[in-house]
Amino acid sequence: MFSILLRLNIMKNVMEKGTICVEDLEIGMSRMLERQITQNDIVLFSQVSGDKNPVHLDEEYAQQTIFGKRIAHGMLTASLISAVIAEQLPGHGTVYLSQTLKFIRPVLPGQLVITSVIVSHIEYSNRRVKLDCKCKVDEKVVLAGEAIVLAPSRKFD
């Protein structure tokens, strides 16, 4: 049963991928991504980013911290927002202009992060789109922010 649900989630995310041009965007449009953060994700992110803080990689060290155990990099969680924006809303051709982030709770290895992006404001004349962004674990917000992007347009494609 779990594998069927997993496949349905993967299919759902794949079906939502694509580019939505600014001319077709509407306030309230949303897209989401579900991803379980694995130990391998944390190790790879550490290698790519150069952030080798032992709170992410060393269980013995992490036990002595405020968290009491290893946690995922905050920016690894934030990168899921980028994935939704780049692949789904608005999608390919989108250019990041700014992103605010508020880290509310840690994400632990093995947790399922549900990332949502919602269109909150559109300036059609200059293709600027404001997106409300959230990451949740067990229905609790772990990260919240706002992105401003330059959306693709049919006029320039």
N, C-alpha and C. Protein backbone atom coordinates (compact mmCIF):
# COMPACT_ATOMS: atom_id res chain seq x y z
N MET A 1 0.83 -1.19 0.00
CA MET A 1 0.00 0.00 0.00
C MET A 1 0.87 1.26 0.00
N PHE A 2 1.93 1.26 0.85
CA PHE A 2 2.81 2.42 0.93
C PHE A 2 3.44 2.72 -0.43
N SER A 3 3.88 1.67 -1.16
CA SER A 3 4.52 1.90 -2.45
C SER A 3 3.53 2.49 -3.45
N ILE A 4 2.26 2.11 -3.37
CA ILE A 4 1.25 2.70 -4.25
C ILE A 4 1.07 4.18 -3.93
N LEU A 5 1.00 4.52 -2.66
CA LEU A 5 0.87 5.93 -2.26
C LEU A 5 2.09 6.73 -2.69
N LEU A 6 3.28 6.14 -2.54
CA LEU A 6 4.50 6.82 -2.94
C LEU A 6 4.48 7.09 -4.44
N ARG A 7 4.08 6.07 -5.23
CA ARG A 7 4.00 6.27 -6.68
C ARG A 7 2.97 7.34 -7.04
N LEU A 8 1.84 7.38 -6.34
CA LEU A 8 0.83 8.40 -6.61
C LEU A 8 1.38 9.79 -6.32
N ASN A 9 2.13 9.92 -5.22
CA ASN A 9 2.75 11.21 -4.90
C ASN A 9 3.74 11.61 -5.97
N ILE A 10 4.57 10.68 -6.42
CA ILE A 10 5.54 10.99 -7.46
C ILE A 10 4.82 11.41 -8.73
N MET A 11 3.77 10.66 -9.11
CA MET A 11 3.01 11.00 -10.31
C MET A 11 2.37 12.37 -10.17
N LYS A 12 1.83 12.67 -9.00
CA LYS A 12 1.19 13.97 -8.77
C LYS A 12 2.20 15.09 -8.97
N ASN A 13 3.40 14.94 -8.39
CA ASN A 13 4.42 15.97 -8.54
C ASN A 13 4.87 16.10 -9.98
N VAL A 14 4.99 14.99 -10.69
CA VAL A 14 5.41 15.04 -12.09
C VAL A 14 4.35 15.72 -12.93
N MET A 15 3.09 15.43 -12.68
CA MET A 15 2.02 16.01 -13.47
C MET A 15 1.95 17.53 -13.30
N GLU A 16 2.36 18.03 -12.15
CA GLU A 16 2.28 19.46 -11.90
C GLU A 16 3.47 20.23 -12.46
N LYS A 17 4.49 19.52 -12.92
CA LYS A 17 5.68 20.20 -13.41
C LYS A 17 5.39 20.88 -14.74
N GLY A 18 6.20 21.88 -15.03
CA GLY A 18 6.07 22.59 -16.29
C GLY A 18 6.18 24.07 -16.07
N THR A 19 6.05 24.81 -17.14
CA THR A 19 6.19 26.26 -17.05
C THR A 19 4.83 26.92 -17.18
N ILE A 20 4.58 27.86 -16.28
CA ILE A 20 3.38 28.67 -16.35
C ILE A 20 3.84 30.09 -16.62
N CYS A 21 3.53 30.61 -17.79
CA CYS A 21 3.94 31.97 -18.16
C CYS A 21 3.18 32.99 -17.33
N VAL A 22 3.79 34.15 -17.14
CA VAL A 22 3.20 35.20 -16.32
C VAL A 22 1.79 35.55 -16.79
N GLU A 23 1.56 35.48 -18.09
CA GLU A 23 0.23 35.82 -18.62
C GLU A 23 -0.86 34.87 -18.12
N ASP A 24 -0.45 33.67 -17.68
CA ASP A 24 -1.41 32.66 -17.23
C ASP A 24 -1.46 32.51 -15.71
N LEU A 25 -0.61 33.23 -15.00
CA LEU A 25 -0.61 33.14 -13.54
C LEU A 25 -1.80 33.87 -12.95
N GLU A 26 -2.26 33.36 -11.82
CA GLU A 26 -3.35 34.00 -11.08
C GLU A 26 -3.01 33.95 -9.59
N ILE A 27 -3.45 34.95 -8.85
CA ILE A 27 -3.26 34.96 -7.40
C ILE A 27 -3.98 33.74 -6.82
N GLY A 28 -3.29 33.06 -5.92
CA GLY A 28 -3.85 31.86 -5.29
C GLY A 28 -3.39 30.56 -5.92
N MET A 29 -2.80 30.61 -7.12
CA MET A 29 -2.27 29.39 -7.71
C MET A 29 -1.22 28.82 -6.78
N SER A 30 -1.16 27.50 -6.70
CA SER A 30 -0.19 26.89 -5.80
C SER A 30 0.33 25.57 -6.37
N ARG A 31 1.49 25.20 -5.88
CA ARG A 31 2.10 23.93 -6.21
C ARG A 31 2.82 23.43 -4.96
N MET A 32 3.04 22.12 -4.90
CA MET A 32 3.72 21.56 -3.73
C MET A 32 4.62 20.41 -4.12
N LEU A 33 5.50 20.09 -3.19
CA LEU A 33 6.45 19.00 -3.36
C LEU A 33 6.60 18.30 -2.02
N GLU A 34 6.61 16.99 -2.04
CA GLU A 34 6.87 16.21 -0.84
C GLU A 34 8.21 15.52 -1.01
N ARG A 35 9.05 15.62 0.01
CA ARG A 35 10.37 14.97 -0.07
C ARG A 35 10.82 14.56 1.32
N GLN A 36 11.22 13.32 1.42
CA GLN A 36 11.81 12.85 2.68
C GLN A 36 13.29 13.20 2.65
N ILE A 37 13.75 13.85 3.71
CA ILE A 37 15.15 14.24 3.82
C ILE A 37 15.93 13.04 4.35
N THR A 38 16.87 12.58 3.55
CA THR A 38 17.65 11.39 3.93
C THR A 38 19.03 11.79 4.43
N GLN A 39 19.68 10.82 5.06
CA GLN A 39 21.07 11.03 5.48
C GLN A 39 21.93 11.33 4.27
N ASN A 40 21.69 10.64 3.17
CA ASN A 40 22.45 10.88 1.95
C ASN A 40 22.27 12.31 1.44
N ASP A 41 21.03 12.84 1.52
CA ASP A 41 20.79 14.24 1.13
C ASP A 41 21.67 15.18 1.95
N ILE A 42 21.74 14.92 3.25
CA ILE A 42 22.51 15.78 4.15
C ILE A 42 24.00 15.71 3.82
N VAL A 43 24.50 14.51 3.60
CA VAL A 43 25.92 14.35 3.26
C VAL A 43 26.23 15.04 1.93
N LEU A 44 25.39 14.81 0.92
CA LEU A 44 25.62 15.44 -0.39
C LEU A 44 25.53 16.96 -0.31
N PHE A 45 24.55 17.47 0.44
CA PHE A 45 24.43 18.92 0.59
C PHE A 45 25.66 19.49 1.29
N SER A 46 26.17 18.77 2.28
CA SER A 46 27.37 19.20 2.98
C SER A 46 28.55 19.29 2.03
N GLN A 47 28.67 18.30 1.15
CA GLN A 47 29.77 18.29 0.18
C GLN A 47 29.63 19.41 -0.83
N VAL A 48 28.43 19.61 -1.36
CA VAL A 48 28.22 20.64 -2.39
C VAL A 48 28.36 22.04 -1.81
N SER A 49 27.79 22.25 -0.63
CA SER A 49 27.79 23.60 -0.04
C SER A 49 29.08 23.93 0.70
N GLY A 50 29.78 22.90 1.16
CA GLY A 50 30.96 23.13 1.99
C GLY A 50 30.61 23.32 3.46
N ASP A 51 29.33 23.23 3.82
CA ASP A 51 28.88 23.38 5.20
C ASP A 51 29.01 22.03 5.89
N LYS A 52 30.08 21.87 6.65
CA LYS A 52 30.36 20.61 7.32
C LYS A 52 30.16 20.73 8.84
N ASN A 53 29.26 21.61 9.24
CA ASN A 53 28.93 21.78 10.65
C ASN A 53 28.58 20.41 11.24
N PRO A 54 29.25 20.00 12.33
CA PRO A 54 29.00 18.68 12.89
C PRO A 54 27.58 18.47 13.41
N VAL A 55 26.81 19.51 13.61
CA VAL A 55 25.42 19.33 14.04
C VAL A 55 24.62 18.58 12.96
N HIS A 56 25.12 18.62 11.73
CA HIS A 56 24.46 17.92 10.63
C HIS A 56 25.03 16.53 10.40
N LEU A 57 26.29 16.31 10.78
CA LEU A 57 27.00 15.11 10.34
C LEU A 57 27.47 14.18 11.46
N ASP A 58 27.59 14.67 12.68
CA ASP A 58 28.20 13.91 13.78
C ASP A 58 27.18 13.75 14.91
N GLU A 59 26.66 12.53 15.04
CA GLU A 59 25.62 12.26 16.04
C GLU A 59 26.09 12.58 17.46
N GLU A 60 27.31 12.18 17.80
CA GLU A 60 27.84 12.41 19.15
C GLU A 60 27.91 13.91 19.44
N TYR A 61 28.42 14.68 18.49
CA TYR A 61 28.48 16.13 18.66
C TYR A 61 27.07 16.71 18.79
N ALA A 62 26.18 16.28 17.90
CA ALA A 62 24.83 16.85 17.85
C ALA A 62 24.05 16.59 19.14
N GLN A 63 24.34 15.47 19.81
CA GLN A 63 23.66 15.16 21.07
C GLN A 63 23.94 16.21 22.14
N GLN A 64 25.05 16.92 22.01
CA GLN A 64 25.42 17.94 22.99
C GLN A 64 24.84 19.32 22.66
N THR A 65 24.11 19.44 21.56
CA THR A 65 23.55 20.72 21.14
C THR A 65 22.13 20.90 21.66
N ILE A 66 21.58 22.05 21.43
CA ILE A 66 20.20 22.36 21.81
C ILE A 66 19.20 21.40 21.18
N PHE A 67 19.56 20.81 20.04
CA PHE A 67 18.64 19.92 19.32
C PHE A 67 18.69 18.49 19.85
N GLY A 68 19.81 18.08 20.44
CA GLY A 68 19.94 16.74 21.00
C GLY A 68 20.15 15.64 19.98
N LYS A 69 20.16 16.00 18.72
CA LYS A 69 20.40 15.02 17.65
C LYS A 69 20.75 15.78 16.38
N ARG A 70 21.18 15.03 15.37
CA ARG A 70 21.56 15.67 14.11
C ARG A 70 20.33 16.29 13.44
N ILE A 71 20.56 17.39 12.75
CA ILE A 71 19.50 18.07 12.00
C ILE A 71 19.98 18.31 10.57
N ALA A 72 19.02 18.46 9.69
CA ALA A 72 19.33 18.80 8.30
C ALA A 72 19.74 20.26 8.22
N HIS A 73 20.53 20.59 7.22
CA HIS A 73 20.88 21.99 6.96
C HIS A 73 19.60 22.77 6.67
N GLY A 74 19.49 23.95 7.25
CA GLY A 74 18.33 24.79 6.96
C GLY A 74 18.22 25.12 5.48
N MET A 75 19.37 25.35 4.86
CA MET A 75 19.35 25.71 3.44
C MET A 75 19.02 24.51 2.55
N LEU A 76 19.22 23.30 3.05
CA LEU A 76 18.76 22.12 2.32
C LEU A 76 17.24 22.14 2.26
N THR A 77 16.62 22.40 3.38
CA THR A 77 15.16 22.53 3.41
C THR A 77 14.71 23.67 2.50
N ALA A 78 15.39 24.81 2.59
CA ALA A 78 15.03 25.96 1.76
C ALA A 78 15.17 25.66 0.27
N SER A 79 16.10 24.78 -0.07
CA SER A 79 16.30 24.46 -1.48
C SER A 79 15.08 23.77 -2.09
N LEU A 80 14.24 23.19 -1.25
CA LEU A 80 13.01 22.58 -1.76
C LEU A 80 12.06 23.63 -2.32
N ILE A 81 12.11 24.83 -1.74
CA ILE A 81 11.33 25.96 -2.28
C ILE A 81 11.81 26.27 -3.69
N SER A 82 13.11 26.33 -3.85
CA SER A 82 13.69 26.59 -5.16
C SER A 82 13.25 25.53 -6.17
N ALA A 83 13.18 24.28 -5.72
CA ALA A 83 12.76 23.20 -6.62
C ALA A 83 11.33 23.41 -7.10
N VAL A 84 10.44 23.80 -6.20
CA VAL A 84 9.04 24.04 -6.61
C VAL A 84 8.97 25.20 -7.59
N ILE A 85 9.68 26.28 -7.29
CA ILE A 85 9.67 27.46 -8.16
C ILE A 85 10.25 27.14 -9.53
N ALA A 86 11.37 26.45 -9.57
CA ALA A 86 12.06 26.18 -10.83
C ALA A 86 11.36 25.13 -11.69
N GLU A 87 10.68 24.20 -11.06
CA GLU A 87 10.09 23.09 -11.81
C GLU A 87 8.58 23.16 -11.97
N GLN A 88 7.91 23.96 -11.12
CA GLN A 88 6.45 23.93 -11.14
C GLN A 88 5.77 25.29 -11.23
N LEU A 89 6.18 26.24 -10.40
CA LEU A 89 5.45 27.51 -10.32
C LEU A 89 6.40 28.67 -10.06
N PRO A 90 6.68 29.47 -11.04
CA PRO A 90 6.21 29.43 -12.43
C PRO A 90 6.85 28.34 -13.29
N GLY A 91 8.04 27.85 -12.93
CA GLY A 91 8.64 26.77 -13.69
C GLY A 91 9.88 27.19 -14.45
N HIS A 92 10.22 26.40 -15.45
CA HIS A 92 11.45 26.64 -16.23
C HIS A 92 11.45 28.05 -16.81
N GLY A 93 12.60 28.70 -16.72
CA GLY A 93 12.75 30.07 -17.21
C GLY A 93 12.56 31.12 -16.12
N THR A 94 12.14 30.69 -14.94
CA THR A 94 11.96 31.62 -13.82
C THR A 94 13.32 32.06 -13.30
N VAL A 95 13.43 33.34 -12.94
CA VAL A 95 14.67 33.89 -12.38
C VAL A 95 14.37 34.41 -10.98
N TYR A 96 15.12 33.92 -10.01
CA TYR A 96 14.99 34.40 -8.63
C TYR A 96 15.46 35.84 -8.54
N LEU A 97 14.70 36.70 -7.86
CA LEU A 97 15.13 38.06 -7.56
C LEU A 97 15.43 38.23 -6.08
N SER A 98 14.61 37.60 -5.23
CA SER A 98 14.89 37.65 -3.79
C SER A 98 14.13 36.55 -3.08
N GLN A 99 14.60 36.25 -1.86
CA GLN A 99 13.95 35.22 -1.04
C GLN A 99 14.19 35.57 0.42
N THR A 100 13.12 35.63 1.20
CA THR A 100 13.26 35.74 2.65
C THR A 100 12.97 34.38 3.26
N LEU A 101 13.60 34.10 4.38
CA LEU A 101 13.42 32.81 5.03
C LEU A 101 13.38 33.00 6.54
N LYS A 102 12.46 32.30 7.18
CA LYS A 102 12.43 32.25 8.64
C LYS A 102 12.45 30.78 9.03
N PHE A 103 13.52 30.38 9.70
CA PHE A 103 13.68 28.99 10.13
C PHE A 103 13.00 28.83 11.49
N ILE A 104 11.96 28.04 11.54
CA ILE A 104 11.11 27.95 12.73
C ILE A 104 11.41 26.71 13.56
N ARG A 105 11.59 25.57 12.90
CA ARG A 105 11.88 24.30 13.58
C ARG A 105 12.94 23.55 12.78
N PRO A 106 13.71 22.71 13.45
CA PRO A 106 14.69 21.91 12.70
C PRO A 106 14.00 20.77 11.95
N VAL A 107 14.63 20.33 10.89
CA VAL A 107 14.20 19.15 10.15
C VAL A 107 15.20 18.05 10.47
N LEU A 108 14.69 16.90 10.84
CA LEU A 108 15.54 15.77 11.21
C LEU A 108 15.68 14.81 10.03
N PRO A 109 16.79 14.10 9.96
CA PRO A 109 16.93 13.08 8.92
C PRO A 109 15.76 12.11 9.00
N GLY A 110 15.21 11.77 7.85
CA GLY A 110 14.09 10.85 7.77
C GLY A 110 12.73 11.51 7.75
N GLN A 111 12.66 12.80 8.06
CA GLN A 111 11.35 13.45 8.08
C GLN A 111 10.89 13.81 6.66
N LEU A 112 9.57 13.77 6.48
CA LEU A 112 8.95 14.14 5.22
C LEU A 112 8.63 15.63 5.26
N VAL A 113 9.19 16.37 4.32
CA VAL A 113 8.96 17.82 4.24
C VAL A 113 7.96 18.07 3.11
N ILE A 114 6.91 18.80 3.42
CA ILE A 114 5.92 19.19 2.41
C ILE A 114 6.12 20.68 2.17
N THR A 115 6.52 21.00 0.94
CA THR A 115 6.83 22.37 0.55
C THR A 115 5.73 22.90 -0.33
N SER A 116 5.22 24.09 0.00
CA SER A 116 4.18 24.70 -0.82
C SER A 116 4.57 26.12 -1.20
N VAL A 117 4.18 26.49 -2.41
CA VAL A 117 4.43 27.82 -2.95
C VAL A 117 3.09 28.33 -3.49
N ILE A 118 2.71 29.54 -3.08
CA ILE A 118 1.43 30.12 -3.48
C ILE A 118 1.67 31.51 -4.05
N VAL A 119 1.06 31.80 -5.19
CA VAL A 119 1.16 33.13 -5.81
C VAL A 119 0.35 34.10 -4.96
N SER A 120 0.99 35.18 -4.47
CA SER A 120 0.30 36.16 -3.64
C SER A 120 0.18 37.54 -4.30
N HIS A 121 1.00 37.80 -5.31
CA HIS A 121 0.94 39.11 -5.98
C HIS A 121 1.60 38.97 -7.36
N ILE A 122 1.02 39.64 -8.34
CA ILE A 122 1.57 39.60 -9.70
C ILE A 122 1.63 41.01 -10.27
N GLU A 123 2.76 41.38 -10.81
CA GLU A 123 2.90 42.63 -11.58
C GLU A 123 3.13 42.20 -13.03
N TYR A 124 2.06 42.13 -13.77
CA TYR A 124 2.13 41.62 -15.14
C TYR A 124 3.05 42.46 -16.02
N SER A 125 3.08 43.77 -15.78
CA SER A 125 3.83 44.67 -16.66
C SER A 125 5.34 44.42 -16.63
N ASN A 126 5.85 44.01 -15.47
CA ASN A 126 7.29 43.75 -15.38
C ASN A 126 7.61 42.31 -15.01
N ARG A 127 6.61 41.43 -15.06
CA ARG A 127 6.75 39.99 -14.86
C ARG A 127 7.18 39.60 -13.44
N ARG A 128 7.02 40.51 -12.47
CA ARG A 128 7.39 40.22 -11.08
C ARG A 128 6.25 39.46 -10.40
N VAL A 129 6.62 38.39 -9.71
CA VAL A 129 5.63 37.58 -9.01
C VAL A 129 6.12 37.36 -7.59
N LYS A 130 5.22 37.59 -6.64
CA LYS A 130 5.52 37.34 -5.23
C LYS A 130 4.89 36.00 -4.84
N LEU A 131 5.68 35.17 -4.17
CA LEU A 131 5.25 33.83 -3.80
C LEU A 131 5.40 33.61 -2.30
N ASP A 132 4.34 33.16 -1.67
CA ASP A 132 4.43 32.76 -0.26
C ASP A 132 4.93 31.33 -0.23
N CYS A 133 5.92 31.07 0.61
CA CYS A 133 6.59 29.78 0.62
C CYS A 133 6.58 29.19 2.03
N LYS A 134 6.25 27.90 2.12
CA LYS A 134 6.26 27.23 3.42
C LYS A 134 6.77 25.81 3.26
N CYS A 135 7.46 25.37 4.29
CA CYS A 135 7.84 23.96 4.41
C CYS A 135 7.26 23.47 5.73
N LYS A 136 6.61 22.31 5.68
CA LYS A 136 5.99 21.73 6.87
C LYS A 136 6.47 20.31 7.08
N VAL A 137 6.52 19.93 8.35
CA VAL A 137 6.75 18.55 8.78
C VAL A 137 5.65 18.23 9.77
N ASP A 138 4.94 17.15 9.54
CA ASP A 138 3.82 16.76 10.42
C ASP A 138 2.85 17.92 10.64
N GLU A 139 2.55 18.63 9.57
CA GLU A 139 1.61 19.75 9.55
C GLU A 139 2.07 20.97 10.37
N LYS A 140 3.33 20.97 10.82
CA LYS A 140 3.88 22.12 11.54
C LYS A 140 4.86 22.83 10.63
N VAL A 141 4.76 24.15 10.57
CA VAL A 141 5.66 24.94 9.73
C VAL A 141 7.07 24.87 10.31
N VAL A 142 8.02 24.49 9.46
CA VAL A 142 9.43 24.46 9.87
C VAL A 142 10.20 25.60 9.23
N LEU A 143 9.68 26.13 8.13
CA LEU A 143 10.34 27.21 7.41
C LEU A 143 9.27 28.00 6.67
N ALA A 144 9.37 29.33 6.69
CA ALA A 144 8.42 30.17 5.97
C ALA A 144 9.18 31.32 5.34
N GLY A 145 8.67 31.81 4.24
CA GLY A 145 9.32 32.93 3.58
C GLY A 145 8.52 33.44 2.41
N GLU A 146 9.17 34.33 1.70
CA GLU A 146 8.55 34.96 0.54
C GLU A 146 9.60 35.09 -0.55
N ALA A 147 9.23 34.70 -1.75
CA ALA A 147 10.13 34.83 -2.89
C ALA A 147 9.55 35.85 -3.86
N ILE A 148 10.45 36.57 -4.51
CA ILE A 148 10.05 37.41 -5.64
C ILE A 148 10.84 36.91 -6.83
N VAL A 149 10.11 36.61 -7.90
CA VAL A 149 10.74 36.04 -9.08
C VAL A 149 10.33 36.82 -10.33
N LEU A 150 11.15 36.65 -11.34
CA LEU A 150 10.83 37.14 -12.68
C LEU A 150 10.29 35.93 -13.43
N ALA A 151 9.00 35.99 -13.77
CA ALA A 151 8.35 34.84 -14.39
C ALA A 151 8.59 34.84 -15.90
N PRO A 152 8.62 33.66 -16.49
CA PRO A 152 8.75 33.59 -17.95
C PRO A 152 7.51 34.18 -18.63
N SER A 153 7.69 34.61 -19.85
CA SER A 153 6.58 35.19 -20.61
C SER A 153 6.57 34.65 -22.03
N ARG A 154 5.39 34.47 -22.57
CA ARG A 154 5.30 34.03 -23.96
C ARG A 154 5.89 35.08 -24.90
N LYS A 155 5.91 36.33 -24.49
CA LYS A 155 6.44 37.42 -25.34
C LYS A 155 7.92 37.27 -25.60
N PHE A 156 8.64 36.61 -24.68
CA PHE A 156 10.09 36.51 -24.79
C PHE A 156 10.56 35.12 -25.15
N ASP A 157 9.65 34.19 -25.33
CA ASP A 157 10.03 32.82 -25.66
C ASP A 157 10.13 32.60 -27.15
